[in-house]
């Protein structure tokens, strides 16, 4: 918000606060989506672990099982790389959102301070 009279009206301050709350809500929604996806990923990882453990127990018995074990191991590794990439994107977005939110909040606080000052000056007159 600029420090103009239009940006420092009570309506402008309230509208800016509402916009900031909407941004926070969008961030929370993205966090919920991420953690819901993480839950599915952890369940999938658990299934992969169980399958891999069974293959390890029996892989030495046949070349077909050894091939299957190597295939599963590659899938397991791939899953971890995908999960790592997903988490890195999440962290990058979260950091960006926090910085953006802090900047918006600072602007909103500054506009509210200007409004408070103007109202105090009017009250003295």
N, C-alpha and C. Protein backbone atom coordinates (compact mmCIF):
# COMPACT_ATOMS: atom_id res chain seq x y z
N UNK A 1 0.83 -1.18 0.00
CA UNK A 1 0.00 0.00 0.00
C UNK A 1 0.87 1.24 0.00
N UNK A 2 0.53 2.17 -0.83
CA UNK A 2 1.26 3.43 -0.86
C UNK A 2 0.73 4.30 0.27
N UNK A 3 1.53 5.27 0.64
CA UNK A 3 1.12 6.16 1.73
C UNK A 3 0.38 7.36 1.16
N UNK A 4 -0.72 7.10 0.48
CA UNK A 4 -1.57 8.16 -0.03
C UNK A 4 -2.84 8.15 0.79
N UNK A 5 -3.64 9.22 0.61
CA UNK A 5 -4.88 9.28 1.39
C UNK A 5 -5.83 8.16 1.00
N UNK A 6 -5.86 7.76 -0.28
CA UNK A 6 -6.74 6.68 -0.70
C UNK A 6 -6.32 5.35 -0.07
N UNK A 7 -5.02 5.13 0.06
CA UNK A 7 -4.53 3.86 0.61
C UNK A 7 -4.67 3.82 2.12
N UNK A 8 -4.93 4.98 2.74
CA UNK A 8 -4.99 5.02 4.19
C UNK A 8 -6.40 5.23 4.71
N UNK A 9 -7.39 5.03 3.88
CA UNK A 9 -8.76 5.12 4.37
C UNK A 9 -9.08 3.84 5.12
N UNK A 10 -10.04 3.90 6.01
CA UNK A 10 -10.40 2.66 6.72
C UNK A 10 -10.78 1.53 5.77
N UNK A 11 -11.51 1.86 4.71
CA UNK A 11 -11.89 0.82 3.75
C UNK A 11 -10.68 0.18 3.10
N UNK A 12 -9.70 0.99 2.73
CA UNK A 12 -8.51 0.46 2.06
C UNK A 12 -7.74 -0.46 3.00
N UNK A 13 -7.64 -0.07 4.27
CA UNK A 13 -6.93 -0.90 5.24
C UNK A 13 -7.66 -2.23 5.44
N UNK A 14 -8.97 -2.17 5.55
CA UNK A 14 -9.76 -3.41 5.72
C UNK A 14 -9.63 -4.29 4.48
N UNK A 15 -9.73 -3.70 3.31
CA UNK A 15 -9.61 -4.48 2.07
C UNK A 15 -8.22 -5.12 1.96
N UNK A 16 -7.20 -4.39 2.36
CA UNK A 16 -5.85 -4.95 2.34
C UNK A 16 -5.74 -6.11 3.33
N UNK A 17 -6.36 -5.96 4.49
CA UNK A 17 -6.34 -7.04 5.49
C UNK A 17 -7.06 -8.27 4.95
N UNK A 18 -8.18 -8.07 4.30
CA UNK A 18 -8.93 -9.19 3.73
C UNK A 18 -8.10 -9.88 2.65
N UNK A 19 -7.44 -9.10 1.81
CA UNK A 19 -6.59 -9.69 0.76
C UNK A 19 -5.46 -10.51 1.38
N UNK A 20 -4.90 -9.99 2.47
CA UNK A 20 -3.82 -10.73 3.14
C UNK A 20 -4.35 -12.03 3.74
N UNK A 21 -5.52 -11.99 4.34
CA UNK A 21 -6.12 -13.21 4.90
C UNK A 21 -6.38 -14.22 3.79
N UNK A 22 -6.81 -13.75 2.63
CA UNK A 22 -7.02 -14.67 1.50
C UNK A 22 -5.71 -15.33 1.08
N UNK A 23 -4.63 -14.56 1.05
CA UNK A 23 -3.32 -15.14 0.70
C UNK A 23 -2.90 -16.18 1.73
N UNK A 24 -3.13 -15.88 3.00
CA UNK A 24 -2.80 -16.84 4.06
C UNK A 24 -3.63 -18.11 3.89
N UNK A 25 -4.90 -17.96 3.59
CA UNK A 25 -5.76 -19.12 3.38
C UNK A 25 -5.27 -19.97 2.21
N UNK A 26 -4.85 -19.33 1.13
CA UNK A 26 -4.32 -20.07 -0.02
C UNK A 26 -3.06 -20.84 0.37
N UNK A 27 -2.22 -20.24 1.19
CA UNK A 27 -1.01 -20.91 1.66
C UNK A 27 -1.38 -22.12 2.51
N UNK A 28 -2.33 -21.95 3.41
CA UNK A 28 -2.75 -23.05 4.27
C UNK A 28 -3.35 -24.18 3.42
N UNK A 29 -4.13 -23.83 2.41
CA UNK A 29 -4.70 -24.85 1.53
C UNK A 29 -3.60 -25.63 0.81
N UNK A 30 -2.57 -24.93 0.33
CA UNK A 30 -1.45 -25.62 -0.33
C UNK A 30 -0.71 -26.51 0.65
N UNK A 31 -0.56 -26.05 1.89
CA UNK A 31 0.09 -26.89 2.91
C UNK A 31 -0.73 -28.15 3.17
N UNK A 32 -2.04 -28.01 3.28
CA UNK A 32 -2.89 -29.18 3.50
C UNK A 32 -2.78 -30.16 2.34
N UNK A 33 -2.78 -29.64 1.13
CA UNK A 33 -2.65 -30.51 -0.04
C UNK A 33 -1.31 -31.24 -0.02
N UNK A 34 -0.25 -30.51 0.31
CA UNK A 34 1.08 -31.13 0.38
C UNK A 34 1.09 -32.26 1.40
N UNK A 35 0.57 -32.00 2.60
CA UNK A 35 0.62 -33.02 3.65
C UNK A 35 -0.31 -34.19 3.36
N UNK A 36 -1.43 -33.94 2.68
CA UNK A 36 -2.27 -35.05 2.24
C UNK A 36 -1.53 -35.92 1.23
N UNK A 37 -0.83 -35.27 0.31
CA UNK A 37 -0.02 -36.02 -0.66
C UNK A 37 1.12 -36.76 0.04
N UNK A 38 1.67 -36.14 1.07
CA UNK A 38 2.75 -36.78 1.82
C UNK A 38 2.24 -38.05 2.51
N UNK A 39 1.03 -37.98 3.03
CA UNK A 39 0.43 -39.16 3.66
C UNK A 39 0.34 -40.31 2.65
N UNK A 40 -0.14 -40.02 1.45
CA UNK A 40 -0.22 -41.05 0.41
C UNK A 40 1.17 -41.56 0.05
N UNK A 41 2.13 -40.66 -0.01
CA UNK A 41 3.50 -41.05 -0.35
C UNK A 41 4.10 -41.97 0.70
N UNK A 42 3.85 -41.66 1.95
CA UNK A 42 4.39 -42.50 3.04
C UNK A 42 3.74 -43.88 3.01
N UNK A 43 2.45 -43.93 2.75
CA UNK A 43 1.77 -45.24 2.64
C UNK A 43 2.35 -46.05 1.48
N UNK A 44 2.58 -45.37 0.35
CA UNK A 44 3.18 -46.06 -0.80
C UNK A 44 4.59 -46.53 -0.46
N UNK A 45 5.32 -45.70 0.23
CA UNK A 45 6.68 -46.06 0.64
C UNK A 45 6.67 -47.28 1.55
N UNK A 46 5.71 -47.35 2.44
CA UNK A 46 5.60 -48.49 3.34
C UNK A 46 5.35 -49.78 2.55
N UNK A 47 4.45 -49.70 1.55
CA UNK A 47 4.19 -50.88 0.71
C UNK A 47 5.45 -51.30 -0.05
N UNK A 48 6.17 -50.31 -0.61
CA UNK A 48 7.41 -50.62 -1.33
C UNK A 48 8.42 -51.28 -0.41
N UNK A 49 8.50 -50.80 0.81
CA UNK A 49 9.44 -51.37 1.78
C UNK A 49 9.10 -52.83 2.06
N UNK A 50 7.82 -53.12 2.26
CA UNK A 50 7.41 -54.49 2.53
C UNK A 50 7.73 -55.41 1.36
N UNK A 51 7.45 -54.95 0.15
CA UNK A 51 7.75 -55.75 -1.05
C UNK A 51 9.25 -55.97 -1.19
N UNK A 52 10.00 -54.92 -0.92
CA UNK A 52 11.46 -55.03 -1.04
C UNK A 52 12.02 -55.99 -0.01
N UNK A 53 11.51 -55.95 1.21
CA UNK A 53 11.97 -56.87 2.25
C UNK A 53 11.72 -58.33 1.85
N UNK A 54 10.55 -58.59 1.29
CA UNK A 54 10.25 -59.95 0.84
C UNK A 54 11.18 -60.39 -0.29
N UNK A 55 11.44 -59.47 -1.20
CA UNK A 55 12.34 -59.79 -2.30
C UNK A 55 13.76 -60.05 -1.81
N UNK A 56 14.20 -59.28 -0.82
CA UNK A 56 15.55 -59.48 -0.27
C UNK A 56 15.66 -60.87 0.35
N UNK A 57 14.63 -61.28 1.05
CA UNK A 57 14.65 -62.60 1.69
C UNK A 57 14.75 -63.73 0.66
N UNK A 58 14.17 -63.53 -0.51
CA UNK A 58 14.09 -64.62 -1.48
C UNK A 58 14.91 -64.39 -2.75
N UNK A 59 15.60 -63.26 -2.84
CA UNK A 59 16.30 -62.91 -4.08
C UNK A 59 17.43 -63.87 -4.42
N UNK A 60 18.07 -64.42 -3.42
CA UNK A 60 19.20 -65.32 -3.67
C UNK A 60 18.79 -66.65 -4.24
N UNK A 61 17.52 -66.94 -4.25
CA UNK A 61 17.03 -68.26 -4.67
C UNK A 61 16.91 -68.41 -6.18
N UNK A 62 16.73 -67.31 -6.90
CA UNK A 62 16.61 -67.45 -8.36
C UNK A 62 17.04 -66.16 -9.05
N UNK A 63 17.47 -66.30 -10.28
CA UNK A 63 17.90 -65.13 -11.05
C UNK A 63 16.69 -64.25 -11.38
N UNK A 64 15.53 -64.84 -11.55
CA UNK A 64 14.31 -64.08 -11.82
C UNK A 64 13.97 -63.17 -10.63
N UNK A 65 14.10 -63.68 -9.42
CA UNK A 65 13.84 -62.87 -8.23
C UNK A 65 14.91 -61.80 -8.04
N UNK A 66 16.15 -62.11 -8.40
CA UNK A 66 17.21 -61.10 -8.32
C UNK A 66 16.92 -59.94 -9.28
N UNK A 67 16.46 -60.27 -10.48
CA UNK A 67 16.10 -59.23 -11.44
C UNK A 67 14.93 -58.39 -10.92
N UNK A 68 13.97 -59.06 -10.36
CA UNK A 68 12.81 -58.37 -9.78
C UNK A 68 13.24 -57.48 -8.61
N UNK A 69 14.17 -57.96 -7.81
CA UNK A 69 14.69 -57.17 -6.70
C UNK A 69 15.36 -55.90 -7.21
N UNK A 70 16.19 -56.03 -8.23
CA UNK A 70 16.87 -54.85 -8.78
C UNK A 70 15.86 -53.85 -9.35
N UNK A 71 14.83 -54.37 -9.97
CA UNK A 71 13.77 -53.51 -10.52
C UNK A 71 13.07 -52.76 -9.39
N UNK A 72 12.71 -53.48 -8.34
CA UNK A 72 12.04 -52.86 -7.19
C UNK A 72 12.95 -51.84 -6.51
N UNK A 73 14.21 -52.15 -6.41
CA UNK A 73 15.16 -51.25 -5.78
C UNK A 73 15.26 -49.94 -6.56
N UNK A 74 15.28 -50.05 -7.88
CA UNK A 74 15.31 -48.84 -8.71
C UNK A 74 14.04 -48.02 -8.52
N UNK A 75 12.90 -48.72 -8.43
CA UNK A 75 11.64 -48.01 -8.17
C UNK A 75 11.65 -47.33 -6.82
N UNK A 76 12.20 -47.99 -5.84
CA UNK A 76 12.31 -47.46 -4.48
C UNK A 76 13.18 -46.20 -4.48
N UNK A 77 14.32 -46.28 -5.17
CA UNK A 77 15.21 -45.12 -5.26
C UNK A 77 14.52 -43.97 -6.00
N UNK A 78 13.83 -44.32 -7.09
CA UNK A 78 13.11 -43.29 -7.86
C UNK A 78 12.07 -42.59 -7.02
N UNK A 79 11.39 -43.37 -6.22
CA UNK A 79 10.38 -42.79 -5.34
C UNK A 79 11.00 -41.77 -4.40
N UNK A 80 12.14 -42.12 -3.81
CA UNK A 80 12.81 -41.20 -2.88
C UNK A 80 13.26 -39.93 -3.59
N UNK A 81 13.74 -40.04 -4.81
CA UNK A 81 14.14 -38.85 -5.57
C UNK A 81 12.93 -37.95 -5.86
N UNK A 82 11.81 -38.58 -6.23
CA UNK A 82 10.59 -37.81 -6.48
C UNK A 82 10.11 -37.11 -5.21
N UNK A 83 10.17 -37.83 -4.11
CA UNK A 83 9.74 -37.27 -2.84
C UNK A 83 10.65 -36.10 -2.43
N UNK A 84 11.94 -36.27 -2.64
CA UNK A 84 12.88 -35.19 -2.33
C UNK A 84 12.57 -33.95 -3.17
N UNK A 85 12.32 -34.14 -4.46
CA UNK A 85 12.01 -33.01 -5.34
C UNK A 85 10.72 -32.32 -4.90
N UNK A 86 9.72 -33.11 -4.55
CA UNK A 86 8.45 -32.55 -4.07
C UNK A 86 8.66 -31.72 -2.81
N UNK A 87 9.45 -32.22 -1.89
CA UNK A 87 9.72 -31.49 -0.64
C UNK A 87 10.51 -30.21 -0.91
N UNK A 88 11.45 -30.26 -1.83
CA UNK A 88 12.23 -29.06 -2.15
C UNK A 88 11.34 -27.97 -2.74
N UNK A 89 10.42 -28.35 -3.63
CA UNK A 89 9.48 -27.38 -4.19
C UNK A 89 8.60 -26.80 -3.08
N UNK A 90 8.15 -27.66 -2.19
CA UNK A 90 7.31 -27.21 -1.07
C UNK A 90 8.06 -26.18 -0.23
N UNK A 91 9.30 -26.47 0.10
CA UNK A 91 10.09 -25.55 0.94
C UNK A 91 10.31 -24.22 0.20
N UNK A 92 10.64 -24.29 -1.07
CA UNK A 92 10.86 -23.06 -1.84
C UNK A 92 9.60 -22.20 -1.86
N UNK A 93 8.45 -22.83 -2.11
CA UNK A 93 7.19 -22.08 -2.13
C UNK A 93 6.85 -21.53 -0.75
N UNK A 94 7.11 -22.32 0.28
CA UNK A 94 6.80 -21.88 1.64
C UNK A 94 7.64 -20.67 2.02
N UNK A 95 8.93 -20.71 1.68
CA UNK A 95 9.81 -19.57 1.98
C UNK A 95 9.33 -18.34 1.22
N UNK A 96 9.01 -18.51 -0.05
CA UNK A 96 8.51 -17.39 -0.85
C UNK A 96 7.22 -16.82 -0.25
N UNK A 97 6.31 -17.71 0.13
CA UNK A 97 5.04 -17.27 0.71
C UNK A 97 5.23 -16.55 2.04
N UNK A 98 6.16 -17.01 2.83
CA UNK A 98 6.42 -16.35 4.12
C UNK A 98 6.97 -14.94 3.88
N UNK A 99 7.91 -14.82 2.97
CA UNK A 99 8.48 -13.49 2.68
C UNK A 99 7.40 -12.57 2.11
N UNK A 100 6.61 -13.08 1.18
CA UNK A 100 5.53 -12.28 0.59
C UNK A 100 4.53 -11.86 1.66
N UNK A 101 4.19 -12.80 2.54
CA UNK A 101 3.25 -12.50 3.61
C UNK A 101 3.78 -11.46 4.58
N UNK A 102 5.04 -11.60 4.92
CA UNK A 102 5.65 -10.60 5.83
C UNK A 102 5.65 -9.22 5.20
N UNK A 103 5.99 -9.14 3.91
CA UNK A 103 6.00 -7.86 3.23
C UNK A 103 4.61 -7.24 3.18
N UNK A 104 3.61 -8.06 2.87
CA UNK A 104 2.23 -7.57 2.82
C UNK A 104 1.78 -7.10 4.20
N UNK A 105 2.13 -7.85 5.22
CA UNK A 105 1.75 -7.48 6.57
C UNK A 105 2.42 -6.17 7.00
N UNK A 106 3.68 -6.00 6.64
CA UNK A 106 4.38 -4.76 6.96
C UNK A 106 3.71 -3.57 6.29
N UNK A 107 3.34 -3.73 5.01
CA UNK A 107 2.64 -2.65 4.30
C UNK A 107 1.30 -2.34 4.95
N UNK A 108 0.59 -3.38 5.34
CA UNK A 108 -0.70 -3.20 6.00
C UNK A 108 -0.53 -2.49 7.34
N UNK A 109 0.46 -2.90 8.12
CA UNK A 109 0.71 -2.24 9.40
C UNK A 109 1.08 -0.78 9.20
N UNK A 110 1.90 -0.50 8.19
CA UNK A 110 2.27 0.89 7.91
C UNK A 110 1.05 1.72 7.54
N UNK A 111 0.17 1.16 6.70
CA UNK A 111 -1.04 1.88 6.32
C UNK A 111 -1.93 2.12 7.53
N UNK A 112 -2.03 1.14 8.41
CA UNK A 112 -2.83 1.30 9.62
C UNK A 112 -2.23 2.38 10.53
N UNK A 113 -0.90 2.41 10.61
CA UNK A 113 -0.24 3.46 11.41
C UNK A 113 -0.53 4.84 10.85
N UNK A 114 -0.48 4.98 9.53
CA UNK A 114 -0.79 6.26 8.90
C UNK A 114 -2.22 6.66 9.20
N UNK A 115 -3.12 5.70 9.10
CA UNK A 115 -4.53 5.98 9.39
C UNK A 115 -4.72 6.38 10.85
N UNK A 116 -4.09 5.65 11.75
CA UNK A 116 -4.19 6.00 13.18
C UNK A 116 -3.67 7.40 13.44
N UNK A 117 -2.55 7.74 12.81
CA UNK A 117 -1.97 9.08 12.99
C UNK A 117 -2.92 10.15 12.48
N UNK A 118 -3.49 9.92 11.31
CA UNK A 118 -4.43 10.91 10.75
C UNK A 118 -5.66 11.06 11.64
N UNK A 119 -6.17 9.95 12.13
CA UNK A 119 -7.34 10.04 13.00
C UNK A 119 -7.01 10.74 14.31
N UNK A 120 -5.80 10.52 14.83
CA UNK A 120 -5.38 11.20 16.06
C UNK A 120 -5.24 12.70 15.83
N UNK A 121 -4.70 13.05 14.68
CA UNK A 121 -4.55 14.49 14.38
C UNK A 121 -5.92 15.14 14.22
N UNK A 122 -6.83 14.45 13.54
CA UNK A 122 -8.20 15.00 13.38
C UNK A 122 -8.89 15.14 14.74
N UNK A 123 -8.62 14.20 15.63
CA UNK A 123 -9.25 14.24 16.95
C UNK A 123 -8.78 15.40 17.77
N UNK A 124 -7.57 15.89 17.52
CA UNK A 124 -7.01 17.03 18.26
C UNK A 124 -7.50 18.36 17.74
N UNK A 125 -7.97 18.34 16.51
CA UNK A 125 -8.38 19.61 15.89
C UNK A 125 -9.75 20.03 16.28
